């Protein structure tokens, strides 16, 4: 069962999302919040698997709430999916750097939202295709300005560095296996070990680490 916390300052949006999720046999809503401060408090109390997080809210906004959740060691198992109407580079990159595992626009269809929750709960990263292209461009530009390798980059084996670079390019485990002539299980193991060594919550953070550390050409 996937437990979900809904965070949005619009009551109508929260009701719609609750109705959508409660119709699913593998999901349950454990709470609702209208601002970031309440979201963090509820997350600490309920320990949800996934938080559906709006960005623009009064008081503590969704970006700061995402940062606080991501920084709390007691919430290491909680993933944040940012759901917003604002598709801007600043919001996207800040959300990812603050620990968000996914980014969806509010015009996403019900099936897309449900798929996102299941995907992120399984440990995958989720970005809308148009968002992915912009994130990659911006990360490349940022890497040219500031090169800051991850402090534990040296802990990775040569193969793991190669795998993280492919994750940074958006490759799935199956695509990594094909590229490096590995079995899918071996590719998955390399990704998992790299995440553990780098302290990455999920693949979204691996993407950021890959670009910041210069593992993507």
N, C-alpha and C. Protein backbone atom coordinates (compact mmCIF):
# COMPACT_ATOMS: atom_id res chain seq x y z
N UNK A 1 0.84 -1.19 0.00
CA UNK A 1 0.00 0.00 0.00
C UNK A 1 0.88 1.25 0.00
N UNK A 2 0.63 2.17 -0.92
CA UNK A 2 1.40 3.41 -1.01
C UNK A 2 0.67 4.50 -0.24
N UNK A 3 1.29 5.02 0.80
CA UNK A 3 0.67 6.09 1.59
C UNK A 3 1.10 7.44 1.01
N UNK A 4 0.12 8.34 0.86
CA UNK A 4 0.36 9.62 0.17
C UNK A 4 -0.12 10.79 1.03
N UNK A 5 0.70 11.83 1.10
CA UNK A 5 0.33 13.09 1.72
C UNK A 5 0.11 14.11 0.61
N UNK A 6 -1.04 14.77 0.59
CA UNK A 6 -1.37 15.75 -0.44
C UNK A 6 -1.15 17.15 0.10
N UNK A 7 -0.37 17.96 -0.61
CA UNK A 7 -0.07 19.32 -0.17
C UNK A 7 -0.40 20.31 -1.27
N UNK A 8 -1.39 21.14 -1.04
CA UNK A 8 -1.80 22.16 -2.01
C UNK A 8 -2.65 23.19 -1.29
N UNK A 9 -2.48 24.47 -1.62
CA UNK A 9 -3.24 25.49 -0.92
C UNK A 9 -4.66 25.64 -1.46
N UNK A 10 -5.00 24.91 -2.52
CA UNK A 10 -6.35 24.97 -3.07
C UNK A 10 -7.15 23.74 -2.61
N UNK A 11 -8.22 24.01 -1.89
CA UNK A 11 -9.04 22.92 -1.35
C UNK A 11 -9.59 22.03 -2.46
N UNK A 12 -9.98 22.64 -3.57
CA UNK A 12 -10.56 21.87 -4.68
C UNK A 12 -9.54 20.90 -5.26
N UNK A 13 -8.30 21.33 -5.37
CA UNK A 13 -7.24 20.46 -5.89
C UNK A 13 -7.02 19.29 -4.95
N UNK A 14 -6.95 19.58 -3.65
CA UNK A 14 -6.74 18.51 -2.68
C UNK A 14 -7.88 17.50 -2.72
N UNK A 15 -9.11 17.98 -2.82
CA UNK A 15 -10.25 17.06 -2.87
C UNK A 15 -10.20 16.19 -4.12
N UNK A 16 -9.84 16.80 -5.24
CA UNK A 16 -9.77 16.04 -6.49
C UNK A 16 -8.71 14.95 -6.42
N UNK A 17 -7.54 15.29 -5.87
CA UNK A 17 -6.47 14.31 -5.76
C UNK A 17 -6.84 13.20 -4.78
N UNK A 18 -7.48 13.57 -3.67
CA UNK A 18 -7.90 12.55 -2.70
C UNK A 18 -8.88 11.58 -3.34
N UNK A 19 -9.84 12.12 -4.09
CA UNK A 19 -10.83 11.26 -4.75
C UNK A 19 -10.16 10.31 -5.73
N UNK A 20 -9.18 10.83 -6.48
CA UNK A 20 -8.46 10.01 -7.45
C UNK A 20 -7.71 8.88 -6.76
N UNK A 21 -6.98 9.21 -5.70
CA UNK A 21 -6.12 8.22 -5.04
C UNK A 21 -6.92 7.19 -4.26
N UNK A 22 -8.01 7.62 -3.65
CA UNK A 22 -8.78 6.69 -2.83
C UNK A 22 -9.53 5.66 -3.65
N UNK A 23 -9.61 5.87 -4.96
CA UNK A 23 -10.23 4.87 -5.84
C UNK A 23 -9.26 3.75 -6.19
N UNK A 24 -7.98 3.92 -5.82
CA UNK A 24 -6.96 2.93 -6.16
C UNK A 24 -6.74 1.97 -4.99
N UNK A 25 -6.71 0.67 -5.29
CA UNK A 25 -6.59 -0.33 -4.24
C UNK A 25 -5.22 -0.31 -3.56
N UNK A 26 -4.20 0.19 -4.26
CA UNK A 26 -2.86 0.16 -3.68
C UNK A 26 -2.42 1.50 -3.11
N UNK A 27 -3.36 2.43 -2.92
CA UNK A 27 -3.00 3.75 -2.41
C UNK A 27 -3.94 4.18 -1.30
N UNK A 28 -3.40 4.97 -0.36
CA UNK A 28 -4.24 5.56 0.67
C UNK A 28 -3.70 6.95 1.01
N UNK A 29 -4.60 7.88 1.25
CA UNK A 29 -4.24 9.25 1.61
C UNK A 29 -4.13 9.33 3.13
N UNK A 30 -2.97 9.73 3.63
CA UNK A 30 -2.77 9.78 5.08
C UNK A 30 -2.88 11.18 5.65
N UNK A 31 -3.09 12.16 4.76
CA UNK A 31 -3.25 13.52 5.25
C UNK A 31 -3.25 14.54 4.14
N UNK A 32 -3.69 15.77 4.49
CA UNK A 32 -3.69 16.90 3.57
C UNK A 32 -3.11 18.11 4.29
N UNK A 33 -2.41 18.96 3.53
CA UNK A 33 -1.87 20.19 4.09
C UNK A 33 -2.05 21.31 3.07
N UNK A 34 -2.26 22.53 3.58
CA UNK A 34 -2.47 23.68 2.70
C UNK A 34 -1.25 24.59 2.62
N UNK A 35 -0.22 24.28 3.38
CA UNK A 35 1.02 25.06 3.31
C UNK A 35 2.20 24.18 3.68
N UNK A 36 3.40 24.69 3.40
CA UNK A 36 4.59 23.89 3.60
C UNK A 36 4.88 23.54 5.04
N UNK A 37 4.57 24.45 5.97
CA UNK A 37 4.84 24.19 7.38
C UNK A 37 4.02 23.00 7.87
N UNK A 38 2.73 23.00 7.55
CA UNK A 38 1.88 21.87 7.93
C UNK A 38 2.32 20.59 7.22
N UNK A 39 2.79 20.74 5.98
CA UNK A 39 3.24 19.57 5.21
C UNK A 39 4.39 18.87 5.92
N UNK A 40 5.36 19.64 6.38
CA UNK A 40 6.52 19.05 7.07
C UNK A 40 6.08 18.38 8.36
N UNK A 41 5.21 19.06 9.12
CA UNK A 41 4.73 18.49 10.39
C UNK A 41 3.97 17.19 10.16
N UNK A 42 3.11 17.17 9.13
CA UNK A 42 2.34 15.96 8.82
C UNK A 42 3.25 14.84 8.32
N UNK A 43 4.24 15.21 7.52
CA UNK A 43 5.18 14.20 7.02
C UNK A 43 5.91 13.54 8.18
N UNK A 44 6.32 14.33 9.15
CA UNK A 44 7.02 13.78 10.32
C UNK A 44 6.11 12.86 11.11
N UNK A 45 4.82 13.22 11.19
CA UNK A 45 3.89 12.42 11.99
C UNK A 45 3.45 11.16 11.27
N UNK A 46 3.16 11.28 9.97
CA UNK A 46 2.56 10.16 9.23
C UNK A 46 3.58 9.30 8.49
N UNK A 47 4.78 9.85 8.24
CA UNK A 47 5.81 9.13 7.48
C UNK A 47 5.26 8.56 6.16
N UNK A 48 4.69 9.39 5.30
CA UNK A 48 4.13 8.88 4.04
C UNK A 48 5.20 8.35 3.11
N UNK A 49 4.80 7.46 2.22
CA UNK A 49 5.72 6.98 1.19
C UNK A 49 6.02 8.08 0.18
N UNK A 50 4.97 8.84 -0.19
CA UNK A 50 5.10 9.88 -1.20
C UNK A 50 4.34 11.13 -0.77
N UNK A 51 4.93 12.29 -1.03
CA UNK A 51 4.26 13.57 -0.82
C UNK A 51 4.01 14.20 -2.18
N UNK A 52 2.75 14.52 -2.47
CA UNK A 52 2.42 15.29 -3.67
C UNK A 52 2.47 16.76 -3.26
N UNK A 53 3.46 17.49 -3.74
CA UNK A 53 3.78 18.81 -3.20
C UNK A 53 3.57 19.95 -4.20
N UNK A 54 2.70 20.88 -3.86
CA UNK A 54 2.55 22.10 -4.65
C UNK A 54 3.75 23.00 -4.37
N UNK A 55 4.08 23.91 -5.29
CA UNK A 55 5.22 24.80 -5.08
C UNK A 55 4.78 26.12 -4.45
N UNK A 56 3.87 26.83 -5.09
CA UNK A 56 3.49 28.15 -4.61
C UNK A 56 2.38 28.03 -3.57
N UNK A 57 2.74 28.32 -2.33
CA UNK A 57 1.79 28.30 -1.23
C UNK A 57 2.15 29.42 -0.26
N UNK A 58 1.20 29.88 0.55
CA UNK A 58 1.49 30.94 1.52
C UNK A 58 2.44 30.44 2.60
N UNK A 59 3.21 31.37 3.17
CA UNK A 59 4.12 30.98 4.24
C UNK A 59 5.29 30.18 3.69
N UNK A 60 5.52 29.00 4.24
CA UNK A 60 6.59 28.12 3.75
C UNK A 60 6.14 27.48 2.45
N UNK A 61 6.87 27.73 1.36
CA UNK A 61 6.43 27.21 0.07
C UNK A 61 6.88 25.76 -0.12
N UNK A 62 6.50 25.19 -1.27
CA UNK A 62 6.78 23.79 -1.52
C UNK A 62 8.25 23.46 -1.67
N UNK A 63 9.03 24.41 -2.19
CA UNK A 63 10.47 24.16 -2.35
C UNK A 63 11.15 24.03 -0.99
N UNK A 64 10.81 24.94 -0.07
CA UNK A 64 11.41 24.87 1.26
C UNK A 64 10.91 23.65 2.02
N UNK A 65 9.63 23.33 1.86
CA UNK A 65 9.09 22.13 2.52
C UNK A 65 9.79 20.87 1.99
N UNK A 66 10.04 20.84 0.69
CA UNK A 66 10.76 19.70 0.10
C UNK A 66 12.16 19.60 0.67
N UNK A 67 12.83 20.75 0.82
CA UNK A 67 14.19 20.76 1.39
C UNK A 67 14.18 20.20 2.81
N UNK A 68 13.20 20.64 3.61
CA UNK A 68 13.15 20.20 5.01
C UNK A 68 12.86 18.69 5.11
N UNK A 69 11.98 18.22 4.25
CA UNK A 69 11.68 16.78 4.25
C UNK A 69 12.90 15.99 3.82
N UNK A 70 13.56 16.47 2.76
CA UNK A 70 14.74 15.76 2.26
C UNK A 70 15.90 15.76 3.23
N UNK A 71 15.96 16.77 4.10
CA UNK A 71 17.07 16.88 5.05
C UNK A 71 16.81 16.12 6.35
N UNK A 72 15.60 15.64 6.54
CA UNK A 72 15.24 14.97 7.79
C UNK A 72 15.59 13.48 7.70
N UNK A 73 16.54 13.01 8.47
CA UNK A 73 16.92 11.59 8.37
C UNK A 73 15.78 10.64 8.72
N UNK A 74 14.82 11.10 9.51
CA UNK A 74 13.67 10.26 9.87
C UNK A 74 12.72 10.08 8.69
N UNK A 75 12.89 10.92 7.65
CA UNK A 75 12.01 10.84 6.48
C UNK A 75 12.78 10.35 5.25
N UNK A 76 13.82 9.57 5.49
CA UNK A 76 14.64 9.07 4.38
C UNK A 76 13.83 8.21 3.42
N UNK A 77 12.76 7.60 3.89
CA UNK A 77 11.94 6.75 3.03
C UNK A 77 10.82 7.48 2.34
N UNK A 78 10.70 8.79 2.56
CA UNK A 78 9.63 9.58 1.95
C UNK A 78 10.11 10.24 0.67
N UNK A 79 9.34 10.08 -0.40
CA UNK A 79 9.66 10.69 -1.69
C UNK A 79 8.71 11.86 -1.95
N UNK A 80 9.21 12.87 -2.63
CA UNK A 80 8.41 14.05 -2.95
C UNK A 80 8.23 14.16 -4.45
N UNK A 81 6.98 14.28 -4.88
CA UNK A 81 6.66 14.57 -6.28
C UNK A 81 6.07 15.97 -6.32
N UNK A 82 6.75 16.87 -7.00
CA UNK A 82 6.29 18.25 -7.11
C UNK A 82 5.21 18.32 -8.19
N UNK A 83 4.07 18.86 -7.82
CA UNK A 83 2.93 18.98 -8.74
C UNK A 83 2.56 20.44 -8.81
N UNK A 84 2.76 21.07 -9.97
CA UNK A 84 2.58 22.51 -10.05
C UNK A 84 2.15 22.95 -11.44
N UNK A 85 1.69 24.19 -11.53
CA UNK A 85 1.35 24.78 -12.83
C UNK A 85 2.55 25.52 -13.42
N UNK A 86 3.61 25.64 -12.64
CA UNK A 86 4.72 26.48 -13.05
C UNK A 86 5.89 25.64 -13.57
N UNK A 87 6.07 25.63 -14.88
CA UNK A 87 7.15 24.86 -15.51
C UNK A 87 8.30 25.81 -15.84
N UNK A 88 9.03 26.21 -14.80
CA UNK A 88 10.16 27.10 -15.01
C UNK A 88 11.44 26.42 -14.55
N UNK A 89 12.55 26.77 -15.19
CA UNK A 89 13.83 26.13 -14.88
C UNK A 89 14.20 26.30 -13.41
N UNK A 90 13.95 27.50 -12.86
CA UNK A 90 14.33 27.76 -11.47
C UNK A 90 13.61 26.82 -10.52
N UNK A 91 12.31 26.65 -10.73
CA UNK A 91 11.54 25.76 -9.86
C UNK A 91 11.99 24.31 -10.02
N UNK A 92 12.17 23.89 -11.26
CA UNK A 92 12.54 22.50 -11.53
C UNK A 92 13.86 22.15 -10.87
N UNK A 93 14.89 22.95 -11.13
CA UNK A 93 16.21 22.64 -10.60
C UNK A 93 16.25 22.74 -9.08
N UNK A 94 15.58 23.75 -8.53
CA UNK A 94 15.58 23.90 -7.07
C UNK A 94 14.88 22.73 -6.41
N UNK A 95 13.78 22.28 -7.01
CA UNK A 95 13.05 21.14 -6.46
C UNK A 95 13.93 19.88 -6.46
N UNK A 96 14.63 19.64 -7.56
CA UNK A 96 15.50 18.46 -7.65
C UNK A 96 16.66 18.56 -6.67
N UNK A 97 17.25 19.72 -6.59
CA UNK A 97 18.38 19.89 -5.66
C UNK A 97 17.93 19.77 -4.21
N UNK A 98 16.68 20.10 -3.96
CA UNK A 98 16.16 19.99 -2.59
C UNK A 98 15.68 18.58 -2.26
N UNK A 99 15.78 17.66 -3.22
CA UNK A 99 15.45 16.27 -2.93
C UNK A 99 14.19 15.73 -3.56
N UNK A 100 13.54 16.50 -4.44
CA UNK A 100 12.34 15.99 -5.11
C UNK A 100 12.70 14.82 -6.02
N UNK A 101 11.82 13.83 -6.06
CA UNK A 101 12.05 12.65 -6.90
C UNK A 101 11.31 12.73 -8.22
N UNK A 102 10.39 13.67 -8.33
CA UNK A 102 9.61 13.78 -9.55
C UNK A 102 9.03 15.17 -9.70
N UNK A 103 8.63 15.48 -10.92
CA UNK A 103 8.10 16.80 -11.23
C UNK A 103 7.01 16.65 -12.27
N UNK A 104 5.78 16.97 -11.89
CA UNK A 104 4.65 16.87 -12.81
C UNK A 104 3.89 18.18 -12.85
N UNK A 105 3.36 18.50 -14.01
CA UNK A 105 2.50 19.68 -14.14
C UNK A 105 1.07 19.32 -13.78
N UNK A 106 0.33 20.31 -13.29
CA UNK A 106 -1.03 20.05 -12.83
C UNK A 106 -1.99 19.68 -13.95
N UNK A 107 -1.58 19.90 -15.20
CA UNK A 107 -2.46 19.49 -16.30
C UNK A 107 -2.22 18.02 -16.67
N UNK A 108 -1.40 17.33 -15.88
CA UNK A 108 -1.19 15.90 -16.11
C UNK A 108 -2.50 15.15 -15.89
N UNK A 109 -2.74 14.12 -16.69
CA UNK A 109 -3.96 13.33 -16.56
C UNK A 109 -3.90 12.42 -15.35
N UNK A 110 -5.06 11.91 -14.92
CA UNK A 110 -5.12 11.01 -13.76
C UNK A 110 -4.18 9.82 -13.87
N UNK A 111 -4.15 9.18 -15.03
CA UNK A 111 -3.29 8.01 -15.20
C UNK A 111 -1.82 8.37 -15.05
N UNK A 112 -1.46 9.56 -15.53
CA UNK A 112 -0.06 10.01 -15.43
C UNK A 112 0.32 10.25 -13.98
N UNK A 113 -0.59 10.83 -13.21
CA UNK A 113 -0.33 11.09 -11.79
C UNK A 113 -0.18 9.78 -11.03
N UNK A 114 -1.07 8.84 -11.28
CA UNK A 114 -1.00 7.54 -10.60
C UNK A 114 0.28 6.80 -10.97
N UNK A 115 0.63 6.85 -12.26
CA UNK A 115 1.87 6.20 -12.71
C UNK A 115 3.07 6.84 -12.02
N UNK A 116 3.05 8.16 -11.87
CA UNK A 116 4.15 8.87 -11.23
C UNK A 116 4.33 8.41 -9.79
N UNK A 117 3.25 8.29 -9.07
CA UNK A 117 3.33 7.88 -7.67
C UNK A 117 3.90 6.47 -7.55
N UNK A 118 3.44 5.59 -8.40
CA UNK A 118 3.94 4.20 -8.34
C UNK A 118 5.41 4.13 -8.74
N UNK A 119 5.78 4.91 -9.73
CA UNK A 119 7.16 4.90 -10.22
C UNK A 119 8.12 5.43 -9.15
N UNK A 120 7.76 6.55 -8.55
CA UNK A 120 8.61 7.16 -7.53
C UNK A 120 8.67 6.28 -6.29
N UNK A 121 7.55 5.68 -5.93
CA UNK A 121 7.53 4.78 -4.78
C UNK A 121 8.48 3.60 -5.01
N UNK A 122 8.64 3.20 -6.26
CA UNK A 122 9.53 2.08 -6.60
C UNK A 122 10.99 2.50 -6.66
N UNK A 123 11.26 3.81 -6.45
CA UNK A 123 12.64 4.28 -6.43
C UNK A 123 13.13 4.89 -7.72
N UNK A 124 12.24 5.06 -8.68
CA UNK A 124 12.63 5.67 -9.95
C UNK A 124 12.48 7.19 -9.89
N UNK A 125 13.08 7.88 -10.84
CA UNK A 125 12.90 9.32 -10.97
C UNK A 125 11.83 9.58 -12.00
N UNK A 126 11.10 10.67 -11.84
CA UNK A 126 10.06 10.96 -12.80
C UNK A 126 10.08 12.43 -13.17
N UNK A 127 10.26 12.70 -14.45
CA UNK A 127 10.19 14.05 -14.98
C UNK A 127 9.39 14.02 -16.27
N UNK A 128 8.53 15.01 -16.44
CA UNK A 128 7.83 15.13 -17.71
C UNK A 128 8.87 15.30 -18.81
N UNK A 129 8.65 14.73 -20.01
CA UNK A 129 9.66 14.80 -21.08
C UNK A 129 10.19 16.20 -21.36
N UNK A 130 9.29 17.19 -21.42
CA UNK A 130 9.75 18.55 -21.71
C UNK A 130 10.61 19.08 -20.57
N UNK A 131 10.30 18.68 -19.36
CA UNK A 131 11.08 19.09 -18.20
C UNK A 131 12.46 18.46 -18.25
N UNK A 132 12.54 17.18 -18.61
CA UNK A 132 13.82 16.47 -18.66
C UNK A 132 14.79 17.18 -19.59
N UNK A 133 14.33 17.57 -20.78
CA UNK A 133 15.21 18.24 -21.74
C UNK A 133 15.77 19.53 -21.17
N UNK A 134 14.92 20.30 -20.48
CA UNK A 134 15.35 21.58 -19.95
C UNK A 134 16.29 21.39 -18.77
N UNK A 135 16.02 20.40 -17.95
CA UNK A 135 16.90 20.13 -16.81
C UNK A 135 18.28 19.76 -17.30
N UNK A 136 18.35 18.89 -18.30
CA UNK A 136 19.65 18.47 -18.84
C UNK A 136 20.42 19.67 -19.39
N UNK A 137 19.74 20.53 -20.16
CA UNK A 137 20.42 21.71 -20.70
C UNK A 137 20.95 22.60 -19.59
N UNK A 138 20.12 22.83 -18.58
CA UNK A 138 20.51 23.72 -17.49
C UNK A 138 21.63 23.13 -16.66
N UNK A 139 21.58 21.83 -16.42
CA UNK A 139 22.64 21.19 -15.64
C UNK A 139 23.97 21.23 -16.38
N UNK A 140 23.92 21.06 -17.71
CA UNK A 140 25.14 21.15 -18.50
C UNK A 140 25.72 22.56 -18.40
N UNK A 141 24.85 23.56 -18.51
CA UNK A 141 25.30 24.95 -18.41
C UNK A 141 25.85 25.24 -17.02
N UNK A 142 25.18 24.71 -16.01
CA UNK A 142 25.63 24.93 -14.63
C UNK A 142 26.97 24.25 -14.39
N UNK A 143 27.17 23.06 -14.98
CA UNK A 143 28.43 22.35 -14.80
C UNK A 143 29.58 23.14 -15.41
N UNK A 144 29.28 23.87 -16.52
CA UNK A 144 30.32 24.66 -17.15
C UNK A 144 30.72 25.83 -16.25
N UNK A 145 29.74 26.32 -15.46
CA UNK A 145 30.03 27.44 -14.56
C UNK A 145 30.69 26.99 -13.26
N UNK A 146 30.15 25.93 -12.67
CA UNK A 146 30.65 25.46 -11.37
C UNK A 146 30.80 23.94 -11.40
N UNK A 147 32.01 23.47 -11.21
CA UNK A 147 32.27 22.03 -11.24
C UNK A 147 32.51 21.57 -9.79
N UNK A 148 31.55 20.86 -9.22
CA UNK A 148 31.65 20.46 -7.82
C UNK A 148 31.42 18.95 -7.70
N UNK A 149 32.45 18.15 -7.87
CA UNK A 149 32.31 16.70 -7.76
C UNK A 149 31.76 16.29 -6.39
N UNK A 150 30.98 15.24 -6.39
CA UNK A 150 30.45 14.71 -5.14
C UNK A 150 31.62 14.27 -4.25
N UNK A 151 31.60 14.59 -2.94
CA UNK A 151 32.74 14.25 -2.07
C UNK A 151 33.03 12.75 -1.98
N UNK A 152 32.04 11.91 -2.30
CA UNK A 152 32.25 10.46 -2.22
C UNK A 152 32.39 9.83 -3.60
N UNK A 153 32.66 10.68 -4.59
CA UNK A 153 32.79 10.18 -5.95
C UNK A 153 33.90 9.13 -6.05
N UNK A 154 34.96 9.31 -5.28
CA UNK A 154 36.08 8.38 -5.32
C UNK A 154 35.75 7.00 -4.80
N UNK A 155 34.62 6.86 -4.11
CA UNK A 155 34.21 5.55 -3.60
C UNK A 155 33.65 4.65 -4.70
N UNK A 156 33.28 5.25 -5.83
CA UNK A 156 32.69 4.48 -6.91
C UNK A 156 33.76 3.71 -7.68
N UNK A 157 33.43 2.52 -8.12
CA UNK A 157 34.30 1.78 -9.03
C UNK A 157 34.19 2.42 -10.41
N UNK A 158 35.10 2.06 -11.29
CA UNK A 158 35.07 2.60 -12.65
C UNK A 158 33.75 2.26 -13.33
N UNK A 159 33.25 1.05 -13.11
CA UNK A 159 31.98 0.63 -13.72
C UNK A 159 30.82 1.44 -13.14
N UNK A 160 30.85 1.67 -11.84
CA UNK A 160 29.76 2.43 -11.21
C UNK A 160 29.75 3.87 -11.69
N UNK A 161 30.92 4.45 -11.90
CA UNK A 161 30.98 5.82 -12.45
C UNK A 161 30.36 5.85 -13.84
N UNK A 162 30.67 4.83 -14.62
CA UNK A 162 30.12 4.72 -15.98
C UNK A 162 28.60 4.61 -15.92
N UNK A 163 28.10 3.81 -14.99
CA UNK A 163 26.66 3.60 -14.84
C UNK A 163 25.97 4.89 -14.40
N UNK A 164 26.56 5.61 -13.45
CA UNK A 164 25.97 6.87 -12.99
C UNK A 164 25.91 7.87 -14.13
N UNK A 165 26.94 7.88 -14.98
CA UNK A 165 26.93 8.76 -16.14
C UNK A 165 25.77 8.45 -17.06
N UNK A 166 25.47 7.17 -17.25
CA UNK A 166 24.35 6.78 -18.10
C UNK A 166 23.01 7.12 -17.45
N UNK A 167 22.93 6.98 -16.13
CA UNK A 167 21.72 7.42 -15.42
C UNK A 167 21.52 8.91 -15.64
N UNK A 168 22.62 9.66 -15.61
CA UNK A 168 22.54 11.10 -15.83
C UNK A 168 22.02 11.45 -17.21
N UNK A 169 22.26 10.58 -18.18
CA UNK A 169 21.74 10.82 -19.53
C UNK A 169 20.29 10.36 -19.68
N UNK A 170 19.73 9.82 -18.60
CA UNK A 170 18.34 9.41 -18.63
C UNK A 170 18.11 7.97 -19.01
N UNK A 171 19.17 7.16 -19.01
CA UNK A 171 19.03 5.75 -19.39
C UNK A 171 18.32 4.94 -18.30
N UNK A 172 17.47 4.04 -18.71
CA UNK A 172 16.85 3.10 -17.79
C UNK A 172 17.83 1.97 -17.51
N UNK A 173 17.51 1.10 -16.54
CA UNK A 173 18.38 -0.04 -16.25
C UNK A 173 18.55 -0.94 -17.48
N UNK A 174 17.46 -1.14 -18.20
CA UNK A 174 17.52 -1.98 -19.40
C UNK A 174 18.44 -1.35 -20.45
N UNK A 175 18.37 -0.04 -20.61
CA UNK A 175 19.22 0.65 -21.59
C UNK A 175 20.68 0.63 -21.16
N UNK A 176 20.91 0.75 -19.86
CA UNK A 176 22.28 0.66 -19.34
C UNK A 176 22.85 -0.73 -19.61
N UNK A 177 22.03 -1.74 -19.36
CA UNK A 177 22.46 -3.13 -19.60
C UNK A 177 22.84 -3.33 -21.06
N UNK A 178 22.03 -2.81 -21.95
CA UNK A 178 22.30 -2.96 -23.39
C UNK A 178 23.56 -2.19 -23.79
N UNK A 179 23.71 -0.98 -23.28
CA UNK A 179 24.86 -0.14 -23.62
C UNK A 179 26.18 -0.78 -23.16
N UNK A 180 26.18 -1.35 -21.95
CA UNK A 180 27.40 -1.89 -21.36
C UNK A 180 27.53 -3.40 -21.50
N UNK A 181 26.56 -4.01 -22.21
CA UNK A 181 26.55 -5.47 -22.41
C UNK A 181 26.56 -6.18 -21.05
N UNK A 182 25.57 -5.86 -20.25
CA UNK A 182 25.38 -6.47 -18.94
C UNK A 182 23.99 -7.08 -18.87
N UNK A 183 23.76 -7.90 -17.88
CA UNK A 183 22.40 -8.36 -17.64
C UNK A 183 21.64 -7.23 -16.94
N UNK A 184 20.32 -7.14 -17.12
CA UNK A 184 19.53 -6.11 -16.42
C UNK A 184 19.73 -6.16 -14.91
N UNK A 185 19.86 -7.38 -14.35
CA UNK A 185 20.05 -7.51 -12.90
C UNK A 185 21.37 -6.90 -12.46
N UNK A 186 22.41 -7.09 -13.27
CA UNK A 186 23.72 -6.53 -12.94
C UNK A 186 23.69 -5.01 -13.04
N UNK A 187 23.02 -4.49 -14.05
CA UNK A 187 22.89 -3.04 -14.20
C UNK A 187 22.16 -2.46 -12.99
N UNK A 188 21.10 -3.12 -12.59
CA UNK A 188 20.33 -2.66 -11.42
C UNK A 188 21.19 -2.68 -10.16
N UNK A 189 22.02 -3.70 -10.02
CA UNK A 189 22.89 -3.79 -8.86
C UNK A 189 23.90 -2.64 -8.84
N UNK A 190 24.48 -2.32 -9.99
CA UNK A 190 25.43 -1.21 -10.06
C UNK A 190 24.76 0.11 -9.68
N UNK A 191 23.54 0.33 -10.17
CA UNK A 191 22.81 1.56 -9.85
C UNK A 191 22.55 1.62 -8.34
N UNK A 192 22.10 0.52 -7.77
CA UNK A 192 21.79 0.48 -6.34
C UNK A 192 23.03 0.75 -5.49
N UNK A 193 24.15 0.13 -5.86
CA UNK A 193 25.38 0.34 -5.11
C UNK A 193 25.87 1.78 -5.21
N UNK A 194 25.74 2.36 -6.39
CA UNK A 194 26.15 3.76 -6.57
C UNK A 194 25.28 4.69 -5.72
N UNK A 195 23.98 4.41 -5.66
CA UNK A 195 23.08 5.22 -4.86
C UNK A 195 23.46 5.15 -3.39
N UNK A 196 23.79 3.95 -2.92
CA UNK A 196 24.18 3.78 -1.52
C UNK A 196 25.48 4.53 -1.22
N UNK A 197 26.47 4.39 -2.09
CA UNK A 197 27.77 5.02 -1.87
C UNK A 197 27.67 6.55 -1.89
N UNK A 198 26.81 7.09 -2.76
CA UNK A 198 26.68 8.54 -2.88
C UNK A 198 25.62 9.11 -1.95
N UNK A 199 24.90 8.24 -1.27
CA UNK A 199 23.85 8.72 -0.37
C UNK A 199 22.67 9.31 -1.12
N UNK A 200 22.41 8.80 -2.32
CA UNK A 200 21.31 9.30 -3.15
C UNK A 200 20.00 8.66 -2.72
N UNK A 201 18.97 9.47 -2.58
CA UNK A 201 17.66 8.95 -2.20
C UNK A 201 17.04 8.16 -3.34
N UNK A 202 17.32 8.58 -4.57
CA UNK A 202 16.72 7.93 -5.73
C UNK A 202 17.47 8.35 -6.99
N UNK A 203 16.97 7.92 -8.14
CA UNK A 203 17.65 8.19 -9.40
C UNK A 203 17.68 9.67 -9.75
N UNK A 204 16.69 10.43 -9.29
CA UNK A 204 16.68 11.87 -9.57
C UNK A 204 17.93 12.53 -9.00
N UNK A 205 18.31 12.13 -7.79
CA UNK A 205 19.52 12.70 -7.20
C UNK A 205 20.77 12.19 -7.92
N UNK A 206 20.73 10.97 -8.41
CA UNK A 206 21.87 10.47 -9.18
C UNK A 206 22.09 11.31 -10.43
N UNK A 207 21.00 11.74 -11.07
CA UNK A 207 21.11 12.60 -12.26
C UNK A 207 21.84 13.89 -11.91
N UNK A 208 21.42 14.52 -10.81
CA UNK A 208 22.06 15.77 -10.37
C UNK A 208 23.53 15.53 -10.05
N UNK A 209 23.82 14.46 -9.30
CA UNK A 209 25.21 14.15 -8.94
C UNK A 209 26.05 13.91 -10.19
N UNK A 210 25.48 13.22 -11.18
CA UNK A 210 26.23 12.90 -12.40
C UNK A 210 26.68 14.16 -13.12
N UNK A 211 25.79 15.14 -13.23
CA UNK A 211 26.15 16.38 -13.92
C UNK A 211 27.09 17.24 -13.09
N UNK A 212 26.82 17.32 -11.79
CA UNK A 212 27.68 18.15 -10.95
C UNK A 212 29.09 17.59 -10.85
N UNK A 213 29.21 16.28 -10.98
CA UNK A 213 30.51 15.64 -10.84
C UNK A 213 31.25 15.44 -12.15
N UNK A 214 30.64 15.86 -13.25
CA UNK A 214 31.30 15.74 -14.55
C UNK A 214 31.31 14.36 -15.13
N UNK A 215 30.32 13.52 -14.77
CA UNK A 215 30.26 12.16 -15.30
C UNK A 215 29.48 12.07 -16.59
N UNK A 216 28.92 13.20 -17.03
CA UNK A 216 28.17 13.23 -18.31
C UNK A 216 28.92 14.15 -19.25
N UNK A 217 29.21 13.64 -20.44
CA UNK A 217 29.96 14.44 -21.43
C UNK A 217 29.09 15.55 -22.00
